[in-house]
PDB file of N, CA and C in Angstrom:
ATOM      1  N   MET A   1     204.751 248.825  67.118  1.00  0.00           N
ATOM      2  CA  MET A   1     204.538 249.871  68.105  1.00  0.00           C
ATOM      3  C   MET A   1     205.778 249.943  68.995  1.00  0.00           C
ATOM      4  N   ASN A   2     206.279 251.129  69.157  1.00  0.00           N
ATOM      5  CA  ASN A   2     207.478 251.372  69.953  1.00  0.00           C
ATOM      6  C   ASN A   2     207.135 251.327  71.448  1.00  0.00           C
ATOM      7  N   PRO A   3     207.750 250.405  72.213  1.00  0.00           N
ATOM      8  CA  PRO A   3     207.438 250.315  73.644  1.00  0.00           C
ATOM      9  C   PRO A   3     207.799 251.578  74.419  1.00  0.00           C
ATOM     10  N   GLU A   4     208.805 252.308  73.952  1.00  0.00           N
ATOM     11  CA  GLU A   4     209.177 253.561  74.631  1.00  0.00           C
ATOM     12  C   GLU A   4     208.057 254.599  74.511  1.00  0.00           C
ATOM     13  N   LEU A   5     207.398 254.640  73.359  1.00  0.00           N
ATOM     14  CA  LEU A   5     206.264 255.547  73.182  1.00  0.00           C
ATOM     15  C   LEU A   5     205.117 255.178  74.115  1.00  0.00           C
ATOM     16  N   LEU A   6     204.853 253.885  74.214  1.00  0.00           N
ATOM     17  CA  LEU A   6     203.784 253.440  75.093  1.00  0.00           C
ATOM     18  C   LEU A   6     204.103 253.803  76.545  1.00  0.00           C
ATOM     19  N   GLN A   7     205.360 253.653  76.933  1.00  0.00           N
ATOM     20  CA  GLN A   7     205.758 254.006  78.291  1.00  0.00           C
ATOM     21  C   GLN A   7     205.561 255.503  78.538  1.00  0.00           C
ATOM     22  N   LEU A   8     205.919 256.326  77.571  1.00  0.00           N
ATOM     23  CA  LEU A   8     205.729 257.772  77.714  1.00  0.00           C
ATOM     24  C   LEU A   8     204.253 258.135  77.863  1.00  0.00           C
ATOM     25  N   LEU A   9     203.388 257.435  77.161  1.00  0.00           N
ATOM     26  CA  LEU A   9     201.953 257.719  77.258  1.00  0.00           C
ATOM     27  C   LEU A   9     201.414 257.463  78.658  1.00  0.00           C
ATOM     28  N   THR A  10     202.097 256.595  79.412  1.00  0.00           N
ATOM     29  CA  THR A  10     201.623 256.269  80.758  1.00  0.00           C
ATOM     30  C   THR A  10     202.357 257.050  81.850  1.00  0.00           C
ATOM     31  N   THR A  11     203.339 257.872  81.471  1.00  0.00           N
ATOM     32  CA  THR A  11     204.093 258.618  82.486  1.00  0.00           C
ATOM     33  C   THR A  11     204.122 260.125  82.244  1.00  0.00           C
ATOM     34  N   MET A  12     204.094 260.537  81.006  1.00  0.00           N
ATOM     35  CA  MET A  12     204.196 261.966  80.688  1.00  0.00           C
ATOM     36  C   MET A  12     202.874 262.678  80.983  1.00  0.00           C
ATOM     37  N   ARG A  13     202.982 263.892  81.485  1.00  0.00           N
ATOM     38  CA  ARG A  13     201.794 264.682  81.822  1.00  0.00           C
ATOM     39  C   ARG A  13     201.553 265.754  80.760  1.00  0.00           C
ATOM     40  N   MET A  14     200.293 266.077  80.568  1.00  0.00           N
ATOM     41  CA  MET A  14     199.917 267.135  79.626  1.00  0.00           C
ATOM     42  C   MET A  14     200.492 268.451  80.149  1.00  0.00           C
ATOM     43  N   PRO A  15     201.282 269.152  79.327  1.00  0.00           N
ATOM     44  CA  PRO A  15     201.985 270.336  79.825  1.00  0.00           C
ATOM     45  C   PRO A  15     201.150 271.617  79.873  1.00  0.00           C
ATOM     46  N   TYR A  16     199.988 271.649  79.243  1.00  0.00           N
ATOM     47  CA  TYR A  16     199.202 272.886  79.193  1.00  0.00           C
ATOM     48  C   TYR A  16     197.737 272.565  78.915  1.00  0.00           C
ATOM     49  N   GLY A  17     196.920 273.598  78.971  1.00  0.00           N
ATOM     50  CA  GLY A  17     195.522 273.482  78.565  1.00  0.00           C
ATOM     51  C   GLY A  17     194.599 272.999  79.664  1.00  0.00           C
ATOM     52  N   LYS A  18     193.414 272.656  79.238  1.00  0.00           N
ATOM     53  CA  LYS A  18     192.350 272.246  80.142  1.00  0.00           C
ATOM     54  C   LYS A  18     192.758 271.058  81.020  1.00  0.00           C
ATOM     55  N   TYR A  19     193.544 270.166  80.486  1.00  0.00           N
ATOM     56  CA  TYR A  19     193.935 268.956  81.192  1.00  0.00           C
ATOM     57  C   TYR A  19     195.407 268.985  81.630  1.00  0.00           C
ATOM     58  N   LYS A  20     195.924 270.168  81.872  1.00  0.00           N
ATOM     59  CA  LYS A  20     197.313 270.328  82.319  1.00  0.00           C
ATOM     60  C   LYS A  20     197.544 269.477  83.571  1.00  0.00           C
ATOM     61  N   GLY A  21     198.639 268.717  83.548  1.00  0.00           N
ATOM     62  CA  GLY A  21     199.005 267.886  84.680  1.00  0.00           C
ATOM     63  C   GLY A  21     198.455 266.472  84.642  1.00  0.00           C
ATOM     64  N   ARG A  22     197.527 266.201  83.744  1.00  0.00           N
ATOM     65  CA  ARG A  22     196.951 264.861  83.649  1.00  0.00           C
ATOM     66  C   ARG A  22     197.874 263.969  82.813  1.00  0.00           C
ATOM     67  N   ILE A  23     198.040 262.725  83.230  1.00  0.00           N
ATOM     68  CA  ILE A  23     198.846 261.771  82.460  1.00  0.00           C
ATOM     69  C   ILE A  23     198.177 261.577  81.097  1.00  0.00           C
ATOM     70  N   LEU A  24     198.995 261.537  80.059  1.00  0.00           N
ATOM     71  CA  LEU A  24     198.454 261.521  78.694  1.00  0.00           C
ATOM     72  C   LEU A  24     197.437 260.406  78.464  1.00  0.00           C
ATOM     73  N   CYS A  25     197.714 259.209  78.952  1.00  0.00           N
ATOM     74  CA  CYS A  25     196.782 258.108  78.685  1.00  0.00           C
ATOM     75  C   CYS A  25     195.443 258.301  79.389  1.00  0.00           C
ATOM     76  N   ASP A  26     195.363 259.255  80.323  1.00  0.00           N
ATOM     77  CA  ASP A  26     194.107 259.540  81.018  1.00  0.00           C
ATOM     78  C   ASP A  26     193.310 260.666  80.364  1.00  0.00           C
ATOM     79  N   LEU A  27     193.807 261.199  79.274  1.00  0.00           N
ATOM     80  CA  LEU A  27     193.059 262.249  78.569  1.00  0.00           C
ATOM     81  C   LEU A  27     191.788 261.642  77.977  1.00  0.00           C
ATOM     82  N   PRO A  28     190.675 262.357  78.070  1.00  0.00           N
ATOM     83  CA  PRO A  28     189.426 261.815  77.524  1.00  0.00           C
ATOM     84  C   PRO A  28     189.453 261.765  75.994  1.00  0.00           C
ATOM     85  N   GLU A  29     188.782 260.784  75.465  1.00  0.00           N
ATOM     86  CA  GLU A  29     188.745 260.596  74.010  1.00  0.00           C
ATOM     87  C   GLU A  29     188.193 261.807  73.266  1.00  0.00           C
ATOM     88  N   PRO A  30     187.128 262.476  73.761  1.00  0.00           N
ATOM     89  CA  PRO A  30     186.637 263.660  73.031  1.00  0.00           C
ATOM     90  C   PRO A  30     187.702 264.757  72.881  1.00  0.00           C
ATOM     91  N   TYR A  31     188.589 264.882  73.843  1.00  0.00           N
ATOM     92  CA  TYR A  31     189.685 265.861  73.756  1.00  0.00           C
ATOM     93  C   TYR A  31     190.639 265.487  72.623  1.00  0.00           C
ATOM     94  N   LEU A  32     190.923 264.207  72.489  1.00  0.00           N
ATOM     95  CA  LEU A  32     191.800 263.746  71.407  1.00  0.00           C
ATOM     96  C   LEU A  32     191.118 263.895  70.048  1.00  0.00           C
ATOM     97  N   VAL A  33     189.819 263.667  70.002  1.00  0.00           N
ATOM     98  CA  VAL A  33     189.061 263.855  68.749  1.00  0.00           C
ATOM     99  C   VAL A  33     189.099 265.329  68.356  1.00  0.00           C
ATOM    100  N   TRP A  34     188.977 266.211  69.342  1.00  0.00           N
ATOM    101  CA  TRP A  34     189.055 267.646  69.074  1.00  0.00           C
ATOM    102  C   TRP A  34     190.418 267.995  68.478  1.00  0.00           C
ATOM    103  N   TYR A  35     191.478 267.476  69.086  1.00  0.00           N
ATOM    104  CA  TYR A  35     192.821 267.716  68.541  1.00  0.00           C
ATOM    105  C   TYR A  35     192.937 267.168  67.125  1.00  0.00           C
ATOM    106  N   HIS A  36     192.357 266.009  66.894  1.00  0.00           N
ATOM    107  CA  HIS A  36     192.422 265.412  65.555  1.00  0.00           C
ATOM    108  C   HIS A  36     191.769 266.321  64.517  1.00  0.00           C
ATOM    109  N   SER A  37     190.655 266.951  64.886  1.00  0.00           N
ATOM    110  CA  SER A  37     189.971 267.819  63.937  1.00  0.00           C
ATOM    111  C   SER A  37     190.674 269.167  63.769  1.00  0.00           C
ATOM    112  N   LYS A  38     191.318 269.662  64.817  1.00  0.00           N
ATOM    113  CA  LYS A  38     192.002 270.961  64.773  1.00  0.00           C
ATOM    114  C   LYS A  38     193.468 270.857  64.369  1.00  0.00           C
ATOM    115  N   GLY A  39     194.049 269.697  64.554  1.00  0.00           N
ATOM    116  CA  GLY A  39     195.462 269.498  64.264  1.00  0.00           C
ATOM    117  C   GLY A  39     196.249 269.314  65.553  1.00  0.00           C
ATOM    118  N   PHE A  40     197.040 268.262  65.585  1.00  0.00           N
ATOM    119  CA  PHE A  40     197.878 267.994  66.746  1.00  0.00           C
ATOM    120  C   PHE A  40     199.038 268.977  66.773  1.00  0.00           C
ATOM    121  N   PRO A  41     199.549 269.289  67.966  1.00  0.00           N
ATOM    122  CA  PRO A  41     200.696 270.194  68.032  1.00  0.00           C
ATOM    123  C   PRO A  41     201.924 269.566  67.377  1.00  0.00           C
ATOM    124  N   ASP A  42     202.875 270.405  67.038  1.00  0.00           N
ATOM    125  CA  ASP A  42     204.121 269.915  66.448  1.00  0.00           C
ATOM    126  C   ASP A  42     204.970 269.218  67.505  1.00  0.00           C
ATOM    127  N   GLY A  43     205.898 268.434  67.032  1.00  0.00           N
ATOM    128  CA  GLY A  43     206.890 267.834  67.909  1.00  0.00           C
ATOM    129  C   GLY A  43     206.440 266.549  68.585  1.00  0.00           C
ATOM    130  N   LYS A  44     207.173 266.233  69.653  1.00  0.00           N
ATOM    131  CA  LYS A  44     206.990 264.979  70.369  1.00  0.00           C
ATOM    132  C   LYS A  44     205.590 264.874  70.979  1.00  0.00           C
ATOM    133  N   LEU A  45     205.100 265.965  71.576  1.00  0.00           N
ATOM    134  CA  LEU A  45     203.782 265.929  72.189  1.00  0.00           C
ATOM    135  C   LEU A  45     202.706 265.616  71.145  1.00  0.00           C
ATOM    136  N   GLY A  46     202.782 266.240  70.003  1.00  0.00           N
ATOM    137  CA  GLY A  46     201.820 265.973  68.942  1.00  0.00           C
ATOM    138  C   GLY A  46     201.843 264.531  68.484  1.00  0.00           C
ATOM    139  N   MET A  47     203.043 263.975  68.365  1.00  0.00           N
ATOM    140  CA  MET A  47     203.177 262.581  67.960  1.00  0.00           C
ATOM    141  C   MET A  47     202.558 261.658  69.014  1.00  0.00           C
ATOM    142  N   LEU A  48     202.802 261.973  70.290  1.00  0.00           N
ATOM    143  CA  LEU A  48     202.243 261.150  71.364  1.00  0.00           C
ATOM    144  C   LEU A  48     200.720 261.248  71.399  1.00  0.00           C
ATOM    145  N   LEU A  49     200.192 262.450  71.250  1.00  0.00           N
ATOM    146  CA  LEU A  49     198.736 262.621  71.259  1.00  0.00           C
ATOM    147  C   LEU A  49     198.093 261.909  70.070  1.00  0.00           C
ATOM    148  N   HIS A  50     198.742 261.975  68.924  1.00  0.00           N
ATOM    149  CA  HIS A  50     198.210 261.276  67.741  1.00  0.00           C
ATOM    150  C   HIS A  50     198.239 259.765  67.951  1.00  0.00           C
ATOM    151  N   THR A  51     199.323 259.267  68.545  1.00  0.00           N
ATOM    152  CA  THR A  51     199.423 257.838  68.841  1.00  0.00           C
ATOM    153  C   THR A  51     198.328 257.421  69.815  1.00  0.00           C
ATOM    154  N   LEU A  52     198.113 258.226  70.851  1.00  0.00           N
ATOM    155  CA  LEU A  52     197.070 257.926  71.825  1.00  0.00           C
ATOM    156  C   LEU A  52     195.689 257.963  71.175  1.00  0.00           C
ATOM    157  N   TYR A  53     195.469 258.904  70.283  1.00  0.00           N
ATOM    158  CA  TYR A  53     194.209 258.979  69.541  1.00  0.00           C
ATOM    159  C   TYR A  53     193.961 257.670  68.783  1.00  0.00           C
ATOM    160  N   GLU A  54     194.977 257.192  68.090  1.00  0.00           N
ATOM    161  CA  GLU A  54     194.843 255.948  67.319  1.00  0.00           C
ATOM    162  C   GLU A  54     194.595 254.755  68.240  1.00  0.00           C
ATOM    163  N   ILE A  55     195.271 254.727  69.379  1.00  0.00           N
ATOM    164  CA  ILE A  55     195.083 253.636  70.337  1.00  0.00           C
ATOM    165  C   ILE A  55     193.636 253.614  70.825  1.00  0.00           C
ATOM    166  N   LYS A  56     193.130 254.770  71.222  1.00  0.00           N
ATOM    167  CA  LYS A  56     191.761 254.832  71.747  1.00  0.00           C
ATOM    168  C   LYS A  56     190.733 254.592  70.644  1.00  0.00           C
ATOM    169  N   LEU A  57     190.980 255.117  69.466  1.00  0.00           N
ATOM    170  CA  LEU A  57     190.065 254.931  68.340  1.00  0.00           C
ATOM    171  C   LEU A  57     189.889 253.454  68.000  1.00  0.00           C
ATOM    172  N   ASN A  58     190.968 252.702  68.109  1.00  0.00           N
ATOM    173  CA  ASN A  58     190.948 251.291  67.727  1.00  0.00           C
ATOM    174  C   ASN A  58     190.748 250.341  68.908  1.00  0.00           C
ATOM    175  N   GLY A  59     190.433 250.891  70.081  1.00  0.00           N
ATOM    176  CA  GLY A  59     190.151 250.040  71.239  1.00  0.00           C
ATOM    177  C   GLY A  59     191.356 249.284  71.762  1.00  0.00           C
ATOM    178  N   LEU A  60     192.526 249.892  71.692  1.00  0.00           N
ATOM    179  CA  LEU A  60     193.758 249.212  72.100  1.00  0.00           C
ATOM    180  C   LEU A  60     194.293 249.686  73.453  1.00  0.00           C
ATOM    181  N   GLU A  61     193.427 250.271  74.275  1.00  0.00           N
ATOM    182  CA  GLU A  61     193.870 250.777  75.573  1.00  0.00           C
ATOM    183  C   GLU A  61     194.497 249.686  76.433  1.00  0.00           C
ATOM    184  N   TYR A  62     194.117 248.435  76.188  1.00  0.00           N
ATOM    185  CA  TYR A  62     194.666 247.330  76.968  1.00  0.00           C
ATOM    186  C   TYR A  62     196.189 247.239  76.842  1.00  0.00           C
ATOM    187  N   LEU A  63     196.741 247.785  75.767  1.00  0.00           N
ATOM    188  CA  LEU A  63     198.205 247.794  75.603  1.00  0.00           C
ATOM    189  C   LEU A  63     198.891 248.643  76.659  1.00  0.00           C
ATOM    190  N   LEU A  64     198.193 249.647  77.182  1.00  0.00           N
ATOM    191  CA  LEU A  64     198.776 250.574  78.151  1.00  0.00           C
ATOM    192  C   LEU A  64     198.625 250.086  79.586  1.00  0.00           C
ATOM    193  N   LYS A  65     197.654 249.240  79.847  1.00  0.00           N
ATOM    194  CA  LYS A  65     197.379 248.820  81.234  1.00  0.00           C
ATOM    195  C   LYS A  65     198.577 248.179  81.921  1.00  0.00           C
ATOM    196  N   PRO A  66     199.338 247.292  81.303  1.00  0.00           N
ATOM    197  CA  PRO A  66     200.471 246.695  82.013  1.00  0.00           C
ATOM    198  C   PRO A  66     201.594 247.699  82.307  1.00  0.00           C
ATOM    199  N   LEU A  67     201.612 248.817  81.600  1.00  0.00           N
ATOM    200  CA  LEU A  67     202.681 249.812  81.776  1.00  0.00           C
ATOM    201  C   LEU A  67     202.361 250.822  82.867  1.00  0.00           C
ATOM    202  N   ARG A  68     201.120 250.889  83.286  1.00  0.00           N
ATOM    203  CA  ARG A  68     200.722 251.855  84.311  1.00  0.00           C
ATOM    204  C   ARG A  68     201.224 251.395  85.663  1.00  0.00           C
ATOM    205  N   LYS A  69     201.651 252.347  86.466  1.00  0.00           N
ATOM    206  CA  LYS A  69     202.176 251.992  87.789  1.00  0.00           C
ATOM    207  C   LYS A  69     201.202 252.416  88.849  1.00  0.00           C
TER     208      LYS A  69
END
């Protein structure tokens, strides 16, 4: 797991949509499941959302806690 990706998940904000402005790691799991079923967006944001989906799906949120400020 790339530590830079984990850091981005705890600092980058959702740029649009229902949860615009929310830090990515604070997005609710049902929202990520919805994206998983509909398809993640292209590019860096899609990769981050997919990574966050996998983290939450596998119960690995504890990896993000030390990175939160």
